[in-house]
Amino acid sequence: MKYCAEHPEEISKLAKVKAQVSEVKGVMMENIEKVLDRGEKIEVLVDKTENLRSQAQDFRQQGTKIKRKMWIENMKMKLIVFGIVAVIIIVIIISVCRNLNC
C-alpha cells in the first residue's frame, strides 16, 4: 500500500491500461460474435446453393423428358397425317384406275 500511496501516477496508468484491455476485450468479443454470425450465414448460403443446384438439375431432367415426349407426340401426329394422306392418294389412284382400267 505504501507503494500505491507514493506512486499514484503509476496506479493511474495501470487503471488506464486495464480500461484499454477491457475495451479491446469487448471489441474482440463483438468481432468474434460477428464472425460466428457470418459463419452461420455462410452455412445457410451453402445450403441454399445446394438446394438450388438440386432444383436446377431436376428442372433440366424434367425439361429433357418433356422435350422427348413432345418430340414423340409430334412424330405420331406427322405419321398419322402421312398415313391419312397416303390412304387418300391410294383411294384416288384405285378409283382412277378402276375407271380407266389400269
N, C-alpha and C. Protein backbone atom coordinates (compact mmCIF):
# COMPACT_ATOMS: atom_id res chain seq x y z
N MET A 1 0.81 -1.19 0.00
CA MET A 1 0.00 0.00 0.00
C MET A 1 0.86 1.26 0.00
N LYS A 2 2.01 1.14 0.63
CA LYS A 2 2.89 2.30 0.70
C LYS A 2 3.30 2.71 -0.70
N TYR A 3 3.58 1.70 -1.56
CA TYR A 3 3.97 1.98 -2.94
C TYR A 3 2.86 2.70 -3.68
N CYS A 4 1.63 2.28 -3.45
CA CYS A 4 0.48 2.90 -4.12
C CYS A 4 0.35 4.35 -3.70
N ALA A 5 0.59 4.61 -2.44
CA ALA A 5 0.46 5.98 -1.96
C ALA A 5 1.59 6.85 -2.50
N GLU A 6 2.76 6.27 -2.67
CA GLU A 6 3.90 7.04 -3.13
C GLU A 6 3.91 7.24 -4.65
N HIS A 7 3.27 6.36 -5.41
CA HIS A 7 3.29 6.44 -6.87
C HIS A 7 1.87 6.40 -7.45
N PRO A 8 1.09 7.43 -7.22
CA PRO A 8 -0.29 7.43 -7.72
C PRO A 8 -0.38 7.49 -9.25
N GLU A 9 0.64 8.07 -9.91
CA GLU A 9 0.60 8.16 -11.38
C GLU A 9 0.68 6.77 -12.02
N GLU A 10 1.43 5.86 -11.40
CA GLU A 10 1.53 4.50 -11.94
C GLU A 10 0.22 3.75 -11.73
N ILE A 11 -0.46 4.01 -10.64
CA ILE A 11 -1.77 3.41 -10.39
C ILE A 11 -2.74 3.91 -11.45
N SER A 12 -2.64 5.19 -11.78
CA SER A 12 -3.49 5.77 -12.80
C SER A 12 -3.19 5.13 -14.15
N LYS A 13 -1.90 4.92 -14.46
CA LYS A 13 -1.53 4.27 -15.72
C LYS A 13 -2.07 2.84 -15.75
N LEU A 14 -1.96 2.16 -14.62
CA LEU A 14 -2.45 0.78 -14.54
C LEU A 14 -3.96 0.74 -14.77
N ALA A 15 -4.67 1.69 -14.22
CA ALA A 15 -6.12 1.75 -14.42
C ALA A 15 -6.44 2.02 -15.88
N LYS A 16 -5.65 2.90 -16.52
CA LYS A 16 -5.87 3.19 -17.94
C LYS A 16 -5.62 1.93 -18.78
N VAL A 17 -4.54 1.22 -18.46
CA VAL A 17 -4.23 0.00 -19.21
C VAL A 17 -5.33 -1.03 -19.02
N LYS A 18 -5.83 -1.17 -17.80
CA LYS A 18 -6.93 -2.11 -17.54
C LYS A 18 -8.17 -1.71 -18.33
N ALA A 19 -8.45 -0.40 -18.38
CA ALA A 19 -9.60 0.08 -19.13
C ALA A 19 -9.43 -0.22 -20.62
N GLN A 20 -8.21 0.01 -21.14
CA GLN A 20 -7.95 -0.28 -22.55
C GLN A 20 -8.07 -1.78 -22.84
N VAL A 21 -7.54 -2.58 -21.93
CA VAL A 21 -7.64 -4.04 -22.11
C VAL A 21 -9.11 -4.46 -22.11
N SER A 22 -9.87 -3.88 -21.21
CA SER A 22 -11.30 -4.19 -21.15
C SER A 22 -12.00 -3.78 -22.44
N GLU A 23 -11.64 -2.60 -22.95
CA GLU A 23 -12.25 -2.12 -24.20
C GLU A 23 -11.88 -3.04 -25.37
N VAL A 24 -10.60 -3.40 -25.45
CA VAL A 24 -10.14 -4.29 -26.52
C VAL A 24 -10.84 -5.64 -26.40
N LYS A 25 -11.01 -6.10 -25.18
CA LYS A 25 -11.70 -7.38 -24.95
C LYS A 25 -13.14 -7.29 -25.47
N GLY A 26 -13.81 -6.18 -25.19
CA GLY A 26 -15.18 -6.00 -25.67
C GLY A 26 -15.25 -5.99 -27.19
N VAL A 27 -14.31 -5.27 -27.82
CA VAL A 27 -14.27 -5.21 -29.29
C VAL A 27 -14.01 -6.60 -29.86
N MET A 28 -13.08 -7.32 -29.27
CA MET A 28 -12.77 -8.67 -29.75
C MET A 28 -13.98 -9.59 -29.60
N MET A 29 -14.70 -9.48 -28.51
CA MET A 29 -15.90 -10.30 -28.32
C MET A 29 -16.93 -9.99 -29.40
N GLU A 30 -17.11 -8.70 -29.71
CA GLU A 30 -18.05 -8.32 -30.78
C GLU A 30 -17.60 -8.90 -32.11
N ASN A 31 -16.30 -8.79 -32.39
CA ASN A 31 -15.78 -9.31 -33.65
C ASN A 31 -15.97 -10.82 -33.75
N ILE A 32 -15.74 -11.51 -32.66
CA ILE A 32 -15.93 -12.97 -32.65
C ILE A 32 -17.39 -13.31 -32.90
N GLU A 33 -18.29 -12.57 -32.27
CA GLU A 33 -19.72 -12.81 -32.49
C GLU A 33 -20.09 -12.57 -33.95
N LYS A 34 -19.53 -11.49 -34.53
CA LYS A 34 -19.82 -11.20 -35.94
C LYS A 34 -19.30 -12.31 -36.85
N VAL A 35 -18.10 -12.80 -36.56
CA VAL A 35 -17.53 -13.88 -37.36
C VAL A 35 -18.39 -15.13 -37.26
N LEU A 36 -18.84 -15.44 -36.06
CA LEU A 36 -19.70 -16.62 -35.88
C LEU A 36 -21.02 -16.44 -36.62
N ASP A 37 -21.60 -15.24 -36.54
CA ASP A 37 -22.84 -14.98 -37.29
C ASP A 37 -22.60 -15.12 -38.78
N ARG A 38 -21.49 -14.58 -39.24
CA ARG A 38 -21.16 -14.66 -40.66
C ARG A 38 -20.97 -16.12 -41.07
N GLY A 39 -20.34 -16.90 -40.19
CA GLY A 39 -20.16 -18.33 -40.47
C GLY A 39 -21.49 -19.03 -40.60
N GLU A 40 -22.44 -18.69 -39.72
CA GLU A 40 -23.77 -19.29 -39.81
C GLU A 40 -24.45 -18.86 -41.10
N LYS A 41 -24.29 -17.60 -41.47
CA LYS A 41 -24.90 -17.11 -42.71
C LYS A 41 -24.30 -17.82 -43.91
N ILE A 42 -22.99 -18.07 -43.87
CA ILE A 42 -22.34 -18.78 -44.97
C ILE A 42 -22.89 -20.20 -45.06
N GLU A 43 -23.10 -20.84 -43.92
CA GLU A 43 -23.67 -22.19 -43.93
C GLU A 43 -25.06 -22.18 -44.54
N VAL A 44 -25.85 -21.16 -44.21
CA VAL A 44 -27.19 -21.04 -44.79
C VAL A 44 -27.10 -20.85 -46.30
N LEU A 45 -26.16 -20.01 -46.74
CA LEU A 45 -25.97 -19.79 -48.18
C LEU A 45 -25.53 -21.07 -48.88
N VAL A 46 -24.66 -21.83 -48.25
CA VAL A 46 -24.21 -23.09 -48.84
C VAL A 46 -25.40 -24.04 -48.98
N ASP A 47 -26.23 -24.11 -47.94
CA ASP A 47 -27.42 -24.97 -48.01
C ASP A 47 -28.35 -24.52 -49.12
N LYS A 48 -28.57 -23.21 -49.24
CA LYS A 48 -29.44 -22.70 -50.29
C LYS A 48 -28.85 -22.99 -51.67
N THR A 49 -27.54 -22.87 -51.79
CA THR A 49 -26.88 -23.14 -53.07
C THR A 49 -27.06 -24.60 -53.46
N GLU A 50 -26.88 -25.50 -52.52
CA GLU A 50 -27.07 -26.92 -52.80
C GLU A 50 -28.52 -27.20 -53.20
N ASN A 51 -29.45 -26.56 -52.51
CA ASN A 51 -30.86 -26.73 -52.83
C ASN A 51 -31.16 -26.24 -54.25
N LEU A 52 -30.63 -25.06 -54.60
CA LEU A 52 -30.84 -24.53 -55.95
C LEU A 52 -30.20 -25.42 -57.01
N ARG A 53 -29.02 -25.93 -56.71
CA ARG A 53 -28.35 -26.82 -57.66
C ARG A 53 -29.19 -28.08 -57.90
N SER A 54 -29.73 -28.62 -56.83
CA SER A 54 -30.59 -29.80 -56.94
C SER A 54 -31.84 -29.49 -57.75
N GLN A 55 -32.46 -28.35 -57.47
CA GLN A 55 -33.67 -27.96 -58.21
C GLN A 55 -33.35 -27.74 -59.68
N ALA A 56 -32.21 -27.14 -59.97
CA ALA A 56 -31.82 -26.91 -61.37
C ALA A 56 -31.63 -28.23 -62.10
N GLN A 57 -31.02 -29.18 -61.43
CA GLN A 57 -30.81 -30.49 -62.05
C GLN A 57 -32.16 -31.17 -62.31
N ASP A 58 -33.07 -31.12 -61.34
CA ASP A 58 -34.40 -31.69 -61.53
C ASP A 58 -35.13 -31.01 -62.68
N PHE A 59 -35.03 -29.68 -62.74
CA PHE A 59 -35.68 -28.93 -63.81
C PHE A 59 -35.12 -29.34 -65.17
N ARG A 60 -33.81 -29.49 -65.25
CA ARG A 60 -33.18 -29.89 -66.50
C ARG A 60 -33.66 -31.28 -66.93
N GLN A 61 -33.73 -32.21 -65.98
CA GLN A 61 -34.19 -33.56 -66.30
C GLN A 61 -35.64 -33.55 -66.75
N GLN A 62 -36.48 -32.81 -66.06
CA GLN A 62 -37.89 -32.73 -66.45
C GLN A 62 -38.02 -32.08 -67.82
N GLY A 63 -37.23 -31.06 -68.08
CA GLY A 63 -37.25 -30.40 -69.39
C GLY A 63 -36.88 -31.37 -70.50
N THR A 64 -35.86 -32.19 -70.25
CA THR A 64 -35.44 -33.18 -71.25
C THR A 64 -36.55 -34.21 -71.48
N LYS A 65 -37.18 -34.67 -70.41
CA LYS A 65 -38.28 -35.63 -70.55
C LYS A 65 -39.44 -35.03 -71.34
N ILE A 66 -39.78 -33.80 -71.02
CA ILE A 66 -40.90 -33.14 -71.72
C ILE A 66 -40.54 -32.93 -73.19
N LYS A 67 -39.30 -32.55 -73.46
CA LYS A 67 -38.87 -32.35 -74.85
C LYS A 67 -38.98 -33.65 -75.63
N ARG A 68 -38.53 -34.74 -75.03
CA ARG A 68 -38.60 -36.05 -75.67
C ARG A 68 -40.05 -36.46 -75.91
N LYS A 69 -40.90 -36.24 -74.91
CA LYS A 69 -42.31 -36.60 -75.02
C LYS A 69 -42.98 -35.78 -76.13
N MET A 70 -42.69 -34.49 -76.18
CA MET A 70 -43.29 -33.65 -77.22
C MET A 70 -42.80 -34.06 -78.61
N TRP A 71 -41.53 -34.46 -78.72
CA TRP A 71 -40.99 -34.91 -80.00
C TRP A 71 -41.73 -36.17 -80.45
N ILE A 72 -41.95 -37.11 -79.53
CA ILE A 72 -42.67 -38.34 -79.86
C ILE A 72 -44.10 -38.02 -80.28
N GLU A 73 -44.76 -37.15 -79.54
CA GLU A 73 -46.13 -36.76 -79.91
C GLU A 73 -46.16 -36.11 -81.29
N ASN A 74 -45.19 -35.27 -81.58
CA ASN A 74 -45.10 -34.61 -82.88
C ASN A 74 -44.90 -35.64 -83.99
N MET A 75 -44.01 -36.62 -83.76
CA MET A 75 -43.79 -37.66 -84.77
C MET A 75 -45.05 -38.50 -84.98
N LYS A 76 -45.76 -38.81 -83.90
CA LYS A 76 -47.01 -39.57 -84.04
C LYS A 76 -47.99 -38.81 -84.91
N MET A 77 -48.12 -37.51 -84.65
CA MET A 77 -49.05 -36.69 -85.43
C MET A 77 -48.63 -36.65 -86.89
N LYS A 78 -47.34 -36.50 -87.15
CA LYS A 78 -46.86 -36.49 -88.54
C LYS A 78 -47.14 -37.83 -89.22
N LEU A 79 -46.92 -38.93 -88.51
CA LEU A 79 -47.18 -40.25 -89.09
C LEU A 79 -48.67 -40.44 -89.38
N ILE A 80 -49.53 -39.97 -88.48
CA ILE A 80 -50.97 -40.07 -88.70
C ILE A 80 -51.37 -39.27 -89.93
N VAL A 81 -50.88 -38.04 -90.03
CA VAL A 81 -51.20 -37.19 -91.19
C VAL A 81 -50.66 -37.84 -92.46
N PHE A 82 -49.43 -38.34 -92.42
CA PHE A 82 -48.84 -39.00 -93.58
C PHE A 82 -49.66 -40.23 -93.97
N GLY A 83 -50.10 -41.01 -92.98
CA GLY A 83 -50.94 -42.19 -93.25
C GLY A 83 -52.26 -41.81 -93.90
N ILE A 84 -52.90 -40.77 -93.38
CA ILE A 84 -54.18 -40.33 -93.95
C ILE A 84 -53.98 -39.86 -95.39
N VAL A 85 -52.93 -39.07 -95.62
CA VAL A 85 -52.65 -38.59 -96.98
C VAL A 85 -52.36 -39.78 -97.90
N ALA A 86 -51.59 -40.76 -97.41
CA ALA A 86 -51.28 -41.94 -98.22
C ALA A 86 -52.54 -42.71 -98.56
N VAL A 87 -53.44 -42.89 -97.58
CA VAL A 87 -54.70 -43.60 -97.82
C VAL A 87 -55.54 -42.85 -98.84
N ILE A 88 -55.60 -41.53 -98.72
CA ILE A 88 -56.39 -40.73 -99.67
C ILE A 88 -55.80 -40.87 -101.08
N ILE A 89 -54.48 -40.82 -101.19
CA ILE A 89 -53.83 -40.97 -102.50
C ILE A 89 -54.10 -42.36 -103.07
N ILE A 90 -54.02 -43.39 -102.25
CA ILE A 90 -54.29 -44.76 -102.71
C ILE A 90 -55.74 -44.89 -103.16
N VAL A 91 -56.68 -44.31 -102.41
CA VAL A 91 -58.09 -44.36 -102.78
C VAL A 91 -58.29 -43.65 -104.12
N ILE A 92 -57.65 -42.50 -104.29
CA ILE A 92 -57.79 -41.76 -105.55
C ILE A 92 -57.21 -42.58 -106.70
N ILE A 93 -56.03 -43.16 -106.50
CA ILE A 93 -55.40 -43.96 -107.56
C ILE A 93 -56.27 -45.17 -107.90
N ILE A 94 -56.81 -45.84 -106.90
CA ILE A 94 -57.66 -47.01 -107.15
C ILE A 94 -58.92 -46.60 -107.90
N SER A 95 -59.54 -45.50 -107.48
CA SER A 95 -60.77 -45.09 -108.17
C SER A 95 -60.48 -44.64 -109.60
N VAL A 96 -59.35 -43.98 -109.84
CA VAL A 96 -58.99 -43.56 -111.19
C VAL A 96 -58.66 -44.78 -112.04
N CYS A 97 -57.90 -45.71 -111.48
CA CYS A 97 -57.51 -46.91 -112.23
C CYS A 97 -58.74 -47.78 -112.53
N ARG A 98 -59.70 -47.83 -111.64
CA ARG A 98 -60.89 -48.62 -111.86
C ARG A 98 -61.67 -48.05 -113.05
N ASN A 99 -61.74 -46.73 -113.10
CA ASN A 99 -62.48 -46.09 -114.19
C ASN A 99 -61.72 -46.20 -115.51
N LEU A 100 -60.39 -46.17 -115.45
CA LEU A 100 -59.59 -46.21 -116.68
C LEU A 100 -59.11 -47.62 -117.01
N ASN A 101 -59.41 -48.57 -116.18
CA ASN A 101 -58.98 -49.97 -116.35
C ASN A 101 -57.46 -50.09 -116.43
N CYS A 102 -56.76 -49.56 -115.42
CA CYS A 102 -55.29 -49.58 -115.39
C CYS A 102 -54.73 -50.94 -115.13
